[in-house]
Amino acid sequence: VLDGNGPLLLEEPELSLHPDVVRYIPQMFARIQRRTDRQILVSSHSPDLLRDNGIGLDEVLVLQPGSEGTVVHPASQFDEVVRLLEGGVSLGDTLPALTRPVNVQQLALFEG
């Protein structure tokens, strides 16, 4: 992780970790970025990972399904998210609703 100078791509680094451990991952990434100047890209569905107050709106991209494919938006584009953050709510508590699959209740059709 500390060697090299190219981008560091991590997919769901929080998997199989206790939430108390996940809470420290953003701080670790910030230290790595400062020491190496590497760009770090993380994909995650974890609200716990996004509860770190050091993560800025300009650092989070929200991927949403669209009719022509996935659409990418900066988190700062969502007025409701900005208002909630100003009110003291964390990104981890605001963003999951934006990425929830449409018609997810259809999965209930497959129950035994």
PDB file of N, CA and C in Angstrom:
ATOM      1  N   VAL A   1       0.824  -1.193   0.000  1.00  0.00           N
ATOM      2  CA  VAL A   1       0.000   0.000   0.000  1.00  0.00           C
ATOM      3  C   VAL A   1       0.868   1.258   0.000  1.00  0.00           C
ATOM      4  N   LEU A   2       1.937   1.245   0.770  1.00  0.00           N
ATOM      5  CA  LEU A   2       2.787   2.427   0.844  1.00  0.00           C
ATOM      6  C   LEU A   2       3.787   2.490  -0.298  1.00  0.00           C
ATOM      7  N   ASP A   3       4.010   1.378  -0.980  1.00  0.00           N
ATOM      8  CA  ASP A   3       4.920   1.360  -2.127  1.00  0.00           C
ATOM      9  C   ASP A   3       4.147   1.705  -3.393  1.00  0.00           C
ATOM     10  N   GLY A   4       4.819   2.301  -4.325  1.00  0.00           N
ATOM     11  CA  GLY A   4       4.186   2.636  -5.593  1.00  0.00           C
ATOM     12  C   GLY A   4       3.649   4.046  -5.593  1.00  0.00           C
ATOM     13  N   ASN A   5       3.287   4.499  -6.791  1.00  0.00           N
ATOM     14  CA  ASN A   5       2.784   5.866  -6.908  1.00  0.00           C
ATOM     15  C   ASN A   5       1.515   5.952  -7.739  1.00  0.00           C
ATOM     16  N   GLY A   6       1.016   4.825  -8.198  1.00  0.00           N
ATOM     17  CA  GLY A   6      -0.219   4.829  -8.975  1.00  0.00           C
ATOM     18  C   GLY A   6      -1.439   4.866  -8.076  1.00  0.00           C
ATOM     19  N   PRO A   7      -2.608   4.970  -8.680  1.00  0.00           N
ATOM     20  CA  PRO A   7      -3.838   4.980  -7.887  1.00  0.00           C
ATOM     21  C   PRO A   7      -4.015   3.666  -7.127  1.00  0.00           C
ATOM     22  N   LEU A   8      -4.629   3.759  -5.981  1.00  0.00           N
ATOM     23  CA  LEU A   8      -4.935   2.596  -5.162  1.00  0.00           C
ATOM     24  C   LEU A   8      -6.447   2.393  -5.228  1.00  0.00           C
ATOM     25  N   LEU A   9      -6.885   1.276  -5.795  1.00  0.00           N
ATOM     26  CA  LEU A   9      -8.304   0.980  -5.969  1.00  0.00           C
ATOM     27  C   LEU A   9      -8.712  -0.103  -4.978  1.00  0.00           C
ATOM     28  N   LEU A  10      -9.715   0.188  -4.159  1.00  0.00           N
ATOM     29  CA  LEU A  10     -10.155  -0.755  -3.132  1.00  0.00           C
ATOM     30  C   LEU A  10     -11.664  -0.953  -3.225  1.00  0.00           C
ATOM     31  N   GLU A  11     -12.075  -2.201  -3.317  1.00  0.00           N
ATOM     32  CA  GLU A  11     -13.495  -2.515  -3.376  1.00  0.00           C
ATOM     33  C   GLU A  11     -13.947  -3.080  -2.035  1.00  0.00           C
ATOM     34  N   GLU A  12     -14.846  -2.368  -1.397  1.00  0.00           N
ATOM     35  CA  GLU A  12     -15.439  -2.752  -0.127  1.00  0.00           C
ATOM     36  C   GLU A  12     -14.402  -3.247   0.893  1.00  0.00           C
ATOM     37  N   PRO A  13     -13.455  -2.384   1.263  1.00  0.00           N
ATOM     38  CA  PRO A  13     -12.404  -2.800   2.200  1.00  0.00           C
ATOM     39  C   PRO A  13     -12.937  -3.130   3.594  1.00  0.00           C
ATOM     40  N   GLU A  14     -14.179  -2.772   3.866  1.00  0.00           N
ATOM     41  CA  GLU A  14     -14.757  -3.000   5.190  1.00  0.00           C
ATOM     42  C   GLU A  14     -15.319  -4.405   5.383  1.00  0.00           C
ATOM     43  N   LEU A  15     -15.398  -5.192   4.315  1.00  0.00           N
ATOM     44  CA  LEU A  15     -15.999  -6.521   4.426  1.00  0.00           C
ATOM     45  C   LEU A  15     -15.294  -7.368   5.479  1.00  0.00           C
ATOM     46  N   SER A  16     -16.075  -8.059   6.258  1.00  0.00           N
ATOM     47  CA  SER A  16     -15.614  -8.977   7.311  1.00  0.00           C
ATOM     48  C   SER A  16     -14.935  -8.270   8.482  1.00  0.00           C
ATOM     49  N   LEU A  17     -15.049  -6.966   8.551  1.00  0.00           N
ATOM     50  CA  LEU A  17     -14.453  -6.233   9.673  1.00  0.00           C
ATOM     51  C   LEU A  17     -15.546  -5.746  10.623  1.00  0.00           C
ATOM     52  N   HIS A  18     -15.233  -5.697  11.882  1.00  0.00           N
ATOM     53  CA  HIS A  18     -16.156  -5.181  12.888  1.00  0.00           C
ATOM     54  C   HIS A  18     -16.373  -3.682  12.633  1.00  0.00           C
ATOM     55  N   PRO A  19     -17.592  -3.172  12.848  1.00  0.00           N
ATOM     56  CA  PRO A  19     -17.854  -1.740  12.629  1.00  0.00           C
ATOM     57  C   PRO A  19     -16.907  -0.810  13.382  1.00  0.00           C
ATOM     58  N   ASP A  20     -16.449  -1.216  14.568  1.00  0.00           N
ATOM     59  CA  ASP A  20     -15.500  -0.376  15.309  1.00  0.00           C
ATOM     60  C   ASP A  20     -14.159  -0.274  14.592  1.00  0.00           C
ATOM     61  N   VAL A  21     -13.789  -1.301  13.845  1.00  0.00           N
ATOM     62  CA  VAL A  21     -12.557  -1.273  13.051  1.00  0.00           C
ATOM     63  C   VAL A  21     -12.781  -0.441  11.792  1.00  0.00           C
ATOM     64  N   VAL A  22     -13.935  -0.610  11.165  1.00  0.00           N
ATOM     65  CA  VAL A  22     -14.266   0.112   9.928  1.00  0.00           C
ATOM     66  C   VAL A  22     -14.194   1.613  10.148  1.00  0.00           C
ATOM     67  N   ARG A  23     -14.558   2.054  11.325  1.00  0.00           N
ATOM     68  CA  ARG A  23     -14.558   3.477  11.645  1.00  0.00           C
ATOM     69  C   ARG A  23     -13.181   4.121  11.476  1.00  0.00           C
ATOM     70  N   TYR A  24     -12.109   3.328  11.580  1.00  0.00           N
ATOM     71  CA  TYR A  24     -10.753   3.861  11.472  1.00  0.00           C
ATOM     72  C   TYR A  24     -10.189   3.801  10.051  1.00  0.00           C
ATOM     73  N   ILE A  25     -10.867   3.130   9.139  1.00  0.00           N
ATOM     74  CA  ILE A  25     -10.358   2.996   7.773  1.00  0.00           C
ATOM     75  C   ILE A  25     -10.176   4.352   7.083  1.00  0.00           C
ATOM     76  N   PRO A  26     -11.145   5.276   7.144  1.00  0.00           N
ATOM     77  CA  PRO A  26     -10.929   6.567   6.470  1.00  0.00           C
ATOM     78  C   PRO A  26      -9.699   7.319   6.978  1.00  0.00           C
ATOM     79  N   GLN A  27      -9.437   7.259   8.278  1.00  0.00           N
ATOM     80  CA  GLN A  27      -8.258   7.931   8.834  1.00  0.00           C
ATOM     81  C   GLN A  27      -6.980   7.295   8.303  1.00  0.00           C
ATOM     82  N   MET A  28      -6.992   5.971   8.187  1.00  0.00           N
ATOM     83  CA  MET A  28      -5.834   5.259   7.653  1.00  0.00           C
ATOM     84  C   MET A  28      -5.595   5.664   6.194  1.00  0.00           C
ATOM     85  N   PHE A  29      -6.666   5.743   5.413  1.00  0.00           N
ATOM     86  CA  PHE A  29      -6.531   6.152   4.013  1.00  0.00           C
ATOM     87  C   PHE A  29      -5.992   7.574   3.905  1.00  0.00           C
ATOM     88  N   ALA A  30      -6.442   8.462   4.780  1.00  0.00           N
ATOM     89  CA  ALA A  30      -5.966   9.846   4.754  1.00  0.00           C
ATOM     90  C   ALA A  30      -4.470   9.904   5.041  1.00  0.00           C
ATOM     91  N   ARG A  31      -4.008   9.113   6.009  1.00  0.00           N
ATOM     92  CA  ARG A  31      -2.568   9.076   6.313  1.00  0.00           C
ATOM     93  C   ARG A  31      -1.774   8.528   5.130  1.00  0.00           C
ATOM     94  N   ILE A  32      -2.274   7.470   4.509  1.00  0.00           N
ATOM     95  CA  ILE A  32      -1.587   6.895   3.342  1.00  0.00           C
ATOM     96  C   ILE A  32      -1.512   7.927   2.228  1.00  0.00           C
ATOM     97  N   GLN A  33      -2.600   8.627   1.992  1.00  0.00           N
ATOM     98  CA  GLN A  33      -2.631   9.623   0.915  1.00  0.00           C
ATOM     99  C   GLN A  33      -1.645  10.745   1.186  1.00  0.00           C
ATOM    100  N   ARG A  34      -1.566  11.202   2.424  1.00  0.00           N
ATOM    101  CA  ARG A  34      -0.624  12.273   2.765  1.00  0.00           C
ATOM    102  C   ARG A  34       0.824  11.809   2.614  1.00  0.00           C
ATOM    103  N   ARG A  35       1.120  10.588   3.022  1.00  0.00           N
ATOM    104  CA  ARG A  35       2.497  10.074   2.968  1.00  0.00           C
ATOM    105  C   ARG A  35       2.951   9.746   1.556  1.00  0.00           C
ATOM    106  N   THR A  36       2.046   9.290   0.723  1.00  0.00           N
ATOM    107  CA  THR A  36       2.443   8.795  -0.599  1.00  0.00           C
ATOM    108  C   THR A  36       1.962   9.668  -1.741  1.00  0.00           C
ATOM    109  N   ASP A  37       1.005  10.532  -1.490  1.00  0.00           N
ATOM    110  CA  ASP A  37       0.379  11.369  -2.512  1.00  0.00           C
ATOM    111  C   ASP A  37      -0.349  10.530  -3.570  1.00  0.00           C
ATOM    112  N   ARG A  38      -0.704   9.301  -3.194  1.00  0.00           N
ATOM    113  CA  ARG A  38      -1.451   8.431  -4.099  1.00  0.00           C
ATOM    114  C   ARG A  38      -2.928   8.786  -4.059  1.00  0.00           C
ATOM    115  N   GLN A  39      -3.574   8.642  -5.183  1.00  0.00           N
ATOM    116  CA  GLN A  39      -5.021   8.785  -5.235  1.00  0.00           C
ATOM    117  C   GLN A  39      -5.626   7.463  -4.764  1.00  0.00           C
ATOM    118  N   ILE A  40      -6.585   7.534  -3.849  1.00  0.00           N
ATOM    119  CA  ILE A  40      -7.221   6.336  -3.316  1.00  0.00           C
ATOM    120  C   ILE A  40      -8.695   6.362  -3.695  1.00  0.00           C
ATOM    121  N   LEU A  41      -9.128   5.326  -4.396  1.00  0.00           N
ATOM    122  CA  LEU A  41     -10.523   5.194  -4.803  1.00  0.00           C
ATOM    123  C   LEU A  41     -11.115   3.987  -4.089  1.00  0.00           C
ATOM    124  N   VAL A  42     -12.240   4.213  -3.410  1.00  0.00           N
ATOM    125  CA  VAL A  42     -12.877   3.163  -2.622  1.00  0.00           C
ATOM    126  C   VAL A  42     -14.325   3.029  -3.061  1.00  0.00           C
ATOM    127  N   SER A  43     -14.766   1.803  -3.317  1.00  0.00           N
ATOM    128  CA  SER A  43     -16.194   1.559  -3.533  1.00  0.00           C
ATOM    129  C   SER A  43     -16.725   0.855  -2.292  1.00  0.00           C
ATOM    130  N   SER A  44     -17.914   1.256  -1.859  1.00  0.00           N
ATOM    131  CA  SER A  44     -18.449   0.697  -0.622  1.00  0.00           C
ATOM    132  C   SER A  44     -19.958   0.901  -0.549  1.00  0.00           C
ATOM    133  N   HIS A  45     -20.615   0.011   0.176  1.00  0.00           N
ATOM    134  CA  HIS A  45     -22.021   0.169   0.536  1.00  0.00           C
ATOM    135  C   HIS A  45     -22.145   0.406   2.040  1.00  0.00           C
ATOM    136  N   SER A  46     -21.041   0.652   2.697  1.00  0.00           N
ATOM    137  CA  SER A  46     -20.998   0.695   4.154  1.00  0.00           C
ATOM    138  C   SER A  46     -21.312   2.073   4.725  1.00  0.00           C
ATOM    139  N   PRO A  47     -22.430   2.207   5.437  1.00  0.00           N
ATOM    140  CA  PRO A  47     -22.689   3.461   6.142  1.00  0.00           C
ATOM    141  C   PRO A  47     -21.622   3.741   7.202  1.00  0.00           C
ATOM    142  N   ASP A  48     -21.101   2.678   7.842  1.00  0.00           N
ATOM    143  CA  ASP A  48     -20.080   2.872   8.881  1.00  0.00           C
ATOM    144  C   ASP A  48     -18.833   3.548   8.324  1.00  0.00           C
ATOM    145  N   LEU A  49     -18.452   3.198   7.121  1.00  0.00           N
ATOM    146  CA  LEU A  49     -17.266   3.779   6.495  1.00  0.00           C
ATOM    147  C   LEU A  49     -17.461   5.272   6.225  1.00  0.00           C
ATOM    148  N   LEU A  50     -18.689   5.669   5.930  1.00  0.00           N
ATOM    149  CA  LEU A  50     -18.983   7.062   5.586  1.00  0.00           C
ATOM    150  C   LEU A  50     -19.310   7.941   6.791  1.00  0.00           C
ATOM    151  N   ARG A  51     -19.256   7.396   7.980  1.00  0.00           N
ATOM    152  CA  ARG A  51     -19.585   8.191   9.174  1.00  0.00           C
ATOM    153  C   ARG A  51     -18.415   9.027   9.677  1.00  0.00           C
ATOM    154  N   ASP A  52     -17.277   8.929   9.046  1.00  0.00           N
ATOM    155  CA  ASP A  52     -16.110   9.714   9.445  1.00  0.00           C
ATOM    156  C   ASP A  52     -16.329  11.177   9.053  1.00  0.00           C
ATOM    157  N   ASN A  53     -16.220  12.081  10.012  1.00  0.00           N
ATOM    158  CA  ASN A  53     -16.453  13.505   9.744  1.00  0.00           C
ATOM    159  C   ASN A  53     -15.394  14.128   8.850  1.00  0.00           C
ATOM    160  N   GLY A  54     -14.275  13.438   8.656  1.00  0.00           N
ATOM    161  CA  GLY A  54     -13.218  13.956   7.797  1.00  0.00           C
ATOM    162  C   GLY A  54     -13.484  13.756   6.313  1.00  0.00           C
ATOM    163  N   ILE A  55     -14.519  12.996   5.972  1.00  0.00           N
ATOM    164  CA  ILE A  55     -14.853  12.764   4.562  1.00  0.00           C
ATOM    165  C   ILE A  55     -15.728  13.912   4.086  1.00  0.00           C
ATOM    166  N   GLY A  56     -15.272  14.611   3.063  1.00  0.00           N
ATOM    167  CA  GLY A  56     -16.010  15.753   2.546  1.00  0.00           C
ATOM    168  C   GLY A  56     -16.953  15.382   1.417  1.00  0.00           C
ATOM    169  N   LEU A  57     -17.948  16.219   1.208  1.00  0.00           N
ATOM    170  CA  LEU A  57     -18.903  16.001   0.118  1.00  0.00           C
ATOM    171  C   LEU A  57     -18.216  15.924  -1.237  1.00  0.00           C
ATOM    172  N   ASP A  58     -17.127  16.658  -1.389  1.00  0.00           N
ATOM    173  CA  ASP A  58     -16.416  16.669  -2.668  1.00  0.00           C
ATOM    174  C   ASP A  58     -15.599  15.398  -2.877  1.00  0.00           C
ATOM    175  N   GLU A  59     -15.519  14.540  -1.856  1.00  0.00           N
ATOM    176  CA  GLU A  59     -14.750  13.302  -1.954  1.00  0.00           C
ATOM    177  C   GLU A  59     -15.621  12.078  -2.224  1.00  0.00           C
ATOM    178  N   VAL A  60     -16.933  12.260  -2.273  1.00  0.00           N
ATOM    179  CA  VAL A  60     -17.849  11.127  -2.417  1.00  0.00           C
ATOM    180  C   VAL A  60     -18.621  11.246  -3.725  1.00  0.00           C
ATOM    181  N   LEU A  61     -18.600  10.163  -4.489  1.00  0.00           N
ATOM    182  CA  LEU A  61     -19.397  10.070  -5.707  1.00  0.00           C
ATOM    183  C   LEU A  61     -20.511   9.062  -5.468  1.00  0.00           C
ATOM    184  N   VAL A  62     -21.719   9.414  -5.876  1.00  0.00           N
ATOM    185  CA  VAL A  62     -22.881   8.544  -5.715  1.00  0.00           C
ATOM    186  C   VAL A  62     -23.211   7.954  -7.075  1.00  0.00           C
ATOM    187  N   LEU A  63     -23.257   6.632  -7.158  1.00  0.00           N
ATOM    188  CA  LEU A  63     -23.598   5.943  -8.396  1.00  0.00           C
ATOM    189  C   LEU A  63     -25.047   5.492  -8.312  1.00  0.00           C
ATOM    190  N   GLN A  64     -25.840   5.914  -9.304  1.00  0.00           N
ATOM    191  CA  GLN A  64     -27.252   5.559  -9.334  1.00  0.00           C
ATOM    192  C   GLN A  64     -27.587   4.941 -10.684  1.00  0.00           C
ATOM    193  N   PRO A  65     -28.427   3.907 -10.674  1.00  0.00           N
ATOM    194  CA  PRO A  65     -28.834   3.318 -11.952  1.00  0.00           C
ATOM    195  C   PRO A  65     -29.727   4.288 -12.715  1.00  0.00           C
ATOM    196  N   GLY A  66     -29.529   4.348 -14.023  1.00  0.00           N
ATOM    197  CA  GLY A  66     -30.355   5.179 -14.887  1.00  0.00           C
ATOM    198  C   GLY A  66     -30.819   4.368 -16.084  1.00  0.00           C
ATOM    199  N   SER A  67     -31.695   4.929 -16.878  1.00  0.00           N
ATOM    200  CA  SER A  67     -32.230   4.203 -18.034  1.00  0.00           C
ATOM    201  C   SER A  67     -31.160   3.919 -19.079  1.00  0.00           C
ATOM    202  N   GLU A  68     -30.115   4.733 -19.113  1.00  0.00           N
ATOM    203  CA  GLU A  68     -29.034   4.551 -20.086  1.00  0.00           C
ATOM    204  C   GLU A  68     -27.771   3.976 -19.446  1.00  0.00           C
ATOM    205  N   GLY A  69     -27.880   3.536 -18.204  1.00  0.00           N
ATOM    206  CA  GLY A  69     -26.720   3.014 -17.489  1.00  0.00           C
ATOM    207  C   GLY A  69     -26.530   3.754 -16.182  1.00  0.00           C
ATOM    208  N   THR A  70     -25.439   3.497 -15.523  1.00  0.00           N
ATOM    209  CA  THR A  70     -25.157   4.107 -14.226  1.00  0.00           C
ATOM    210  C   THR A  70     -24.794   5.576 -14.391  1.00  0.00           C
ATOM    211  N   VAL A  71     -25.371   6.403 -13.530  1.00  0.00           N
ATOM    212  CA  VAL A  71     -25.111   7.840 -13.533  1.00  0.00           C
ATOM    213  C   VAL A  71     -24.307   8.167 -12.273  1.00  0.00           C
ATOM    214  N   VAL A  72     -23.264   8.977 -12.430  1.00  0.00           N
ATOM    215  CA  VAL A  72     -22.389   9.341 -11.316  1.00  0.00           C
ATOM    216  C   VAL A  72     -22.614  10.808 -10.962  1.00  0.00           C
ATOM    217  N   HIS A  73     -22.850  11.057  -9.677  1.00  0.00           N
ATOM    218  CA  HIS A  73     -23.068  12.420  -9.180  1.00  0.00           C
ATOM    219  C   HIS A  73     -22.165  12.664  -7.977  1.00  0.00           C
ATOM    220  N   PRO A  74     -21.599  13.867  -7.851  1.00  0.00           N
ATOM    221  CA  PRO A  74     -20.924  14.195  -6.591  1.00  0.00           C
ATOM    222  C   PRO A  74     -21.983  14.316  -5.493  1.00  0.00           C
ATOM    223  N   ALA A  75     -21.654  13.877  -4.289  1.00  0.00           N
ATOM    224  CA  ALA A  75     -22.610  13.940  -3.180  1.00  0.00           C
ATOM    225  C   ALA A  75     -23.061  15.374  -2.922  1.00  0.00           C
ATOM    226  N   SER A  76     -22.206  16.337  -3.220  1.00  0.00           N
ATOM    227  CA  SER A  76     -22.540  17.748  -2.989  1.00  0.00           C
ATOM    228  C   SER A  76     -23.672  18.234  -3.884  1.00  0.00           C
ATOM    229  N   GLN A  77     -24.027  17.468  -4.897  1.00  0.00           N
ATOM    230  CA  GLN A  77     -25.093  17.856  -5.828  1.00  0.00           C
ATOM    231  C   GLN A  77     -26.483  17.656  -5.220  1.00  0.00           C
ATOM    232  N   PHE A  78     -26.584  16.897  -4.164  1.00  0.00           N
ATOM    233  CA  PHE A  78     -27.876  16.591  -3.562  1.00  0.00           C
ATOM    234  C   PHE A  78     -28.160  17.564  -2.427  1.00  0.00           C
ATOM    235  N   ASP A  79     -29.099  18.491  -2.676  1.00  0.00           N
ATOM    236  CA  ASP A  79     -29.423  19.526  -1.690  1.00  0.00           C
ATOM    237  C   ASP A  79     -29.845  18.935  -0.348  1.00  0.00           C
ATOM    238  N   GLU A  80     -30.608  17.849  -0.381  1.00  0.00           N
ATOM    239  CA  GLU A  80     -31.068  17.237   0.865  1.00  0.00           C
ATOM    240  C   GLU A  80     -29.888  16.717   1.687  1.00  0.00           C
ATOM    241  N   VAL A  81     -28.894  16.141   1.022  1.00  0.00           N
ATOM    242  CA  VAL A  81     -27.706  15.649   1.721  1.00  0.00           C
ATOM    243  C   VAL A  81     -26.966  16.814   2.366  1.00  0.00           C
ATOM    244  N   VAL A  82     -26.809  17.904   1.629  1.00  0.00           N
ATOM    245  CA  VAL A  82     -26.118  19.088   2.156  1.00  0.00           C
ATOM    246  C   VAL A  82     -26.849  19.617   3.392  1.00  0.00           C
ATOM    247  N   ARG A  83     -28.183  19.717   3.311  1.00  0.00           N
ATOM    248  CA  ARG A  83     -28.967  20.218   4.451  1.00  0.00           C
ATOM    249  C   ARG A  83     -28.820  19.302   5.674  1.00  0.00           C
ATOM    250  N   LEU A  84     -28.894  17.993   5.440  1.00  0.00           N
ATOM    251  CA  LEU A  84     -28.771  17.057   6.557  1.00  0.00           C
ATOM    252  C   LEU A  84     -27.389  17.133   7.200  1.00  0.00           C
ATOM    253  N   LEU A  85     -26.351  17.266   6.374  1.00  0.00           N
ATOM    254  CA  LEU A  85     -24.996  17.387   6.923  1.00  0.00           C
ATOM    255  C   LEU A  85     -24.855  18.658   7.751  1.00  0.00           C
ATOM    256  N   GLU A  86     -25.441  19.739   7.264  1.00  0.00           N
ATOM    257  CA  GLU A  86     -25.396  20.995   8.017  1.00  0.00           C
ATOM    258  C   GLU A  86     -26.121  20.856   9.349  1.00  0.00           C
ATOM    259  N   GLY A  87     -27.093  19.942   9.409  1.00  0.00           N
ATOM    260  CA  GLY A  87     -27.835  19.689  10.639  1.00  0.00           C
ATOM    261  C   GLY A  87     -27.170  18.673  11.554  1.00  0.00           C
ATOM    262  N   GLY A  88     -25.990  18.181  11.160  1.00  0.00           N
ATOM    263  CA  GLY A  88     -25.244  17.269  12.010  1.00  0.00           C
ATOM    264  C   GLY A  88     -25.397  15.794  11.690  1.00  0.00           C
ATOM    265  N   VAL A  89     -26.118  15.452  10.619  1.00  0.00           N
ATOM    266  CA  VAL A  89     -26.279  14.051  10.225  1.00  0.00           C
ATOM    267  C   VAL A  89     -25.070  13.647   9.383  1.00  0.00           C
ATOM    268  N   SER A  90     -24.581  12.434   9.546  1.00  0.00           N
ATOM    269  CA  SER A  90     -23.384  11.990   8.820  1.00  0.00           C
ATOM    270  C   SER A  90     -23.723  11.525   7.405  1.00  0.00           C
ATOM    271  N   LEU A  91     -22.697  11.478   6.561  1.00  0.00           N
ATOM    272  CA  LEU A  91     -22.874  10.933   5.211  1.00  0.00           C
ATOM    273  C   LEU A  91     -23.372   9.497   5.272  1.00  0.00           C
ATOM    274  N   GLY A  92     -22.897   8.741   6.242  1.00  0.00           N
ATOM    275  CA  GLY A  92     -23.308   7.350   6.386  1.00  0.00           C
ATOM    276  C   GLY A  92     -24.783   7.185   6.683  1.00  0.00           C
ATOM    277  N   ASP A  93     -25.398   8.223   7.233  1.00  0.00           N
ATOM    278  CA  ASP A  93     -26.826   8.163   7.528  1.00  0.00           C
ATOM    279  C   ASP A  93     -27.683   8.806   6.444  1.00  0.00           C
ATOM    280  N   THR A  94     -27.070   9.522   5.509  1.00  0.00           N
ATOM    281  CA  THR A  94     -27.850  10.195   4.467  1.00  0.00           C
ATOM    282  C   THR A  94     -27.771   9.510   3.104  1.00  0.00           C
ATOM    283  N   LEU A  95     -26.624   8.950   2.756  1.00  0.00           N
ATOM    284  CA  LEU A  95     -26.432   8.433   1.399  1.00  0.00           C
ATOM    285  C   LEU A  95     -27.101   7.102   1.081  1.00  0.00           C
ATOM    286  N   PRO A  96     -27.269   6.177   2.025  1.00  0.00           N
ATOM    287  CA  PRO A  96     -27.884   4.897   1.649  1.00  0.00           C
ATOM    288  C   PRO A  96     -29.244   5.034   0.967  1.00  0.00           C
ATOM    289  N   ALA A  97     -30.029   6.011   1.349  1.00  0.00           N
ATOM    290  CA  ALA A  97     -31.339   6.190   0.712  1.00  0.00           C
ATOM    291  C   ALA A  97     -31.206   6.559  -0.763  1.00  0.00           C
ATOM    292  N   LEU A  98     -30.124   7.238  -1.130  1.00  0.00           N
ATOM    293  CA  LEU A  98     -29.924   7.630  -2.531  1.00  0.00           C
ATOM    294  C   LEU A  98     -29.505   6.463  -3.415  1.00  0.00           C
ATOM    295  N   THR A  99     -28.960   5.434  -2.819  1.00  0.00           N
ATOM    296  CA  THR A  99     -28.441   4.318  -3.608  1.00  0.00           C
ATOM    297  C   THR A  99     -29.298   3.064  -3.481  1.00  0.00           C
ATOM    298  N   ARG A 100     -30.389   3.161  -2.752  1.00  0.00           N
ATOM    299  CA  ARG A 100     -31.276   2.010  -2.571  1.00  0.00           C
ATOM    300  C   ARG A 100     -31.841   1.592  -3.928  1.00  0.00           C
ATOM    301  N   PRO A 101     -31.805   0.300  -4.240  1.00  0.00           N
ATOM    302  CA  PRO A 101     -32.340  -0.161  -5.526  1.00  0.00           C
ATOM    303  C   PRO A 101     -33.838   0.124  -5.648  1.00  0.00           C
ATOM    304  N   VAL A 102     -34.250   0.503  -6.845  1.00  0.00           N
ATOM    305  CA  VAL A 102     -35.663   0.722  -7.128  1.00  0.00           C
ATOM    306  C   VAL A 102     -36.339  -0.647  -7.185  1.00  0.00           C
ATOM    307  N   ASN A 103     -37.528  -0.744  -6.657  1.00  0.00           N
ATOM    308  CA  ASN A 103     -38.321  -1.984  -6.684  1.00  0.00           C
ATOM    309  C   ASN A 103     -37.624  -3.157  -6.007  1.00  0.00           C
ATOM    310  N   VAL A 104     -36.836  -2.883  -4.988  1.00  0.00           N
ATOM    311  CA  VAL A 104     -36.138  -3.958  -4.283  1.00  0.00           C
ATOM    312  C   VAL A 104     -37.123  -4.951  -3.666  1.00  0.00           C
ATOM    313  N   GLN A 105     -38.345  -4.496  -3.386  1.00  0.00           N
ATOM    314  CA  GLN A 105     -39.348  -5.378  -2.795  1.00  0.00           C
ATOM    315  C   GLN A 105     -39.718  -6.531  -3.722  1.00  0.00           C
ATOM    316  N   GLN A 106     -39.388  -6.435  -5.006  1.00  0.00           N
ATOM    317  CA  GLN A 106     -39.666  -7.538  -5.929  1.00  0.00           C
ATOM    318  C   GLN A 106     -38.898  -8.798  -5.546  1.00  0.00           C
ATOM    319  N   LEU A 107     -37.822  -8.653  -4.816  1.00  0.00           N
ATOM    320  CA  LEU A 107     -37.063  -9.817  -4.368  1.00  0.00           C
ATOM    321  C   LEU A 107     -37.893 -10.704  -3.446  1.00  0.00           C
ATOM    322  N   ALA A 108     -38.912 -10.145  -2.816  1.00  0.00           N
ATOM    323  CA  ALA A 108     -39.781 -10.924  -1.938  1.00  0.00           C
ATOM    324  C   ALA A 108     -40.560 -11.980  -2.714  1.00  0.00           C
ATOM    325  N   LEU A 109     -40.660 -11.839  -4.023  1.00  0.00           N
ATOM    326  CA  LEU A 109     -41.358 -12.827  -4.848  1.00  0.00           C
ATOM    327  C   LEU A 109     -40.678 -14.183  -4.792  1.00  0.00           C
ATOM    328  N   PHE A 110     -39.406 -14.199  -4.417  1.00  0.00           N
ATOM    329  CA  PHE A 110     -38.640 -15.435  -4.422  1.00  0.00           C
ATOM    330  C   PHE A 110     -38.611 -16.126  -3.062  1.00  0.00           C
ATOM    331  N   GLU A 111     -39.378 -15.608  -2.110  1.00  0.00           N
ATOM    332  CA  GLU A 111     -39.422 -16.247  -0.796  1.00  0.00           C
ATOM    333  C   GLU A 111     -40.164 -17.572  -0.888  1.00  0.00           C
ATOM    334  N   GLY A 112     -39.752 -18.526  -0.066  1.00  0.00           N
ATOM    335  CA  GLY A 112     -40.308 -19.875  -0.061  1.00  0.00           C
ATOM    336  C   GLY A 112     -41.720 -19.907   0.339  1.00  0.00           C
TER     337      GLY A 112
END
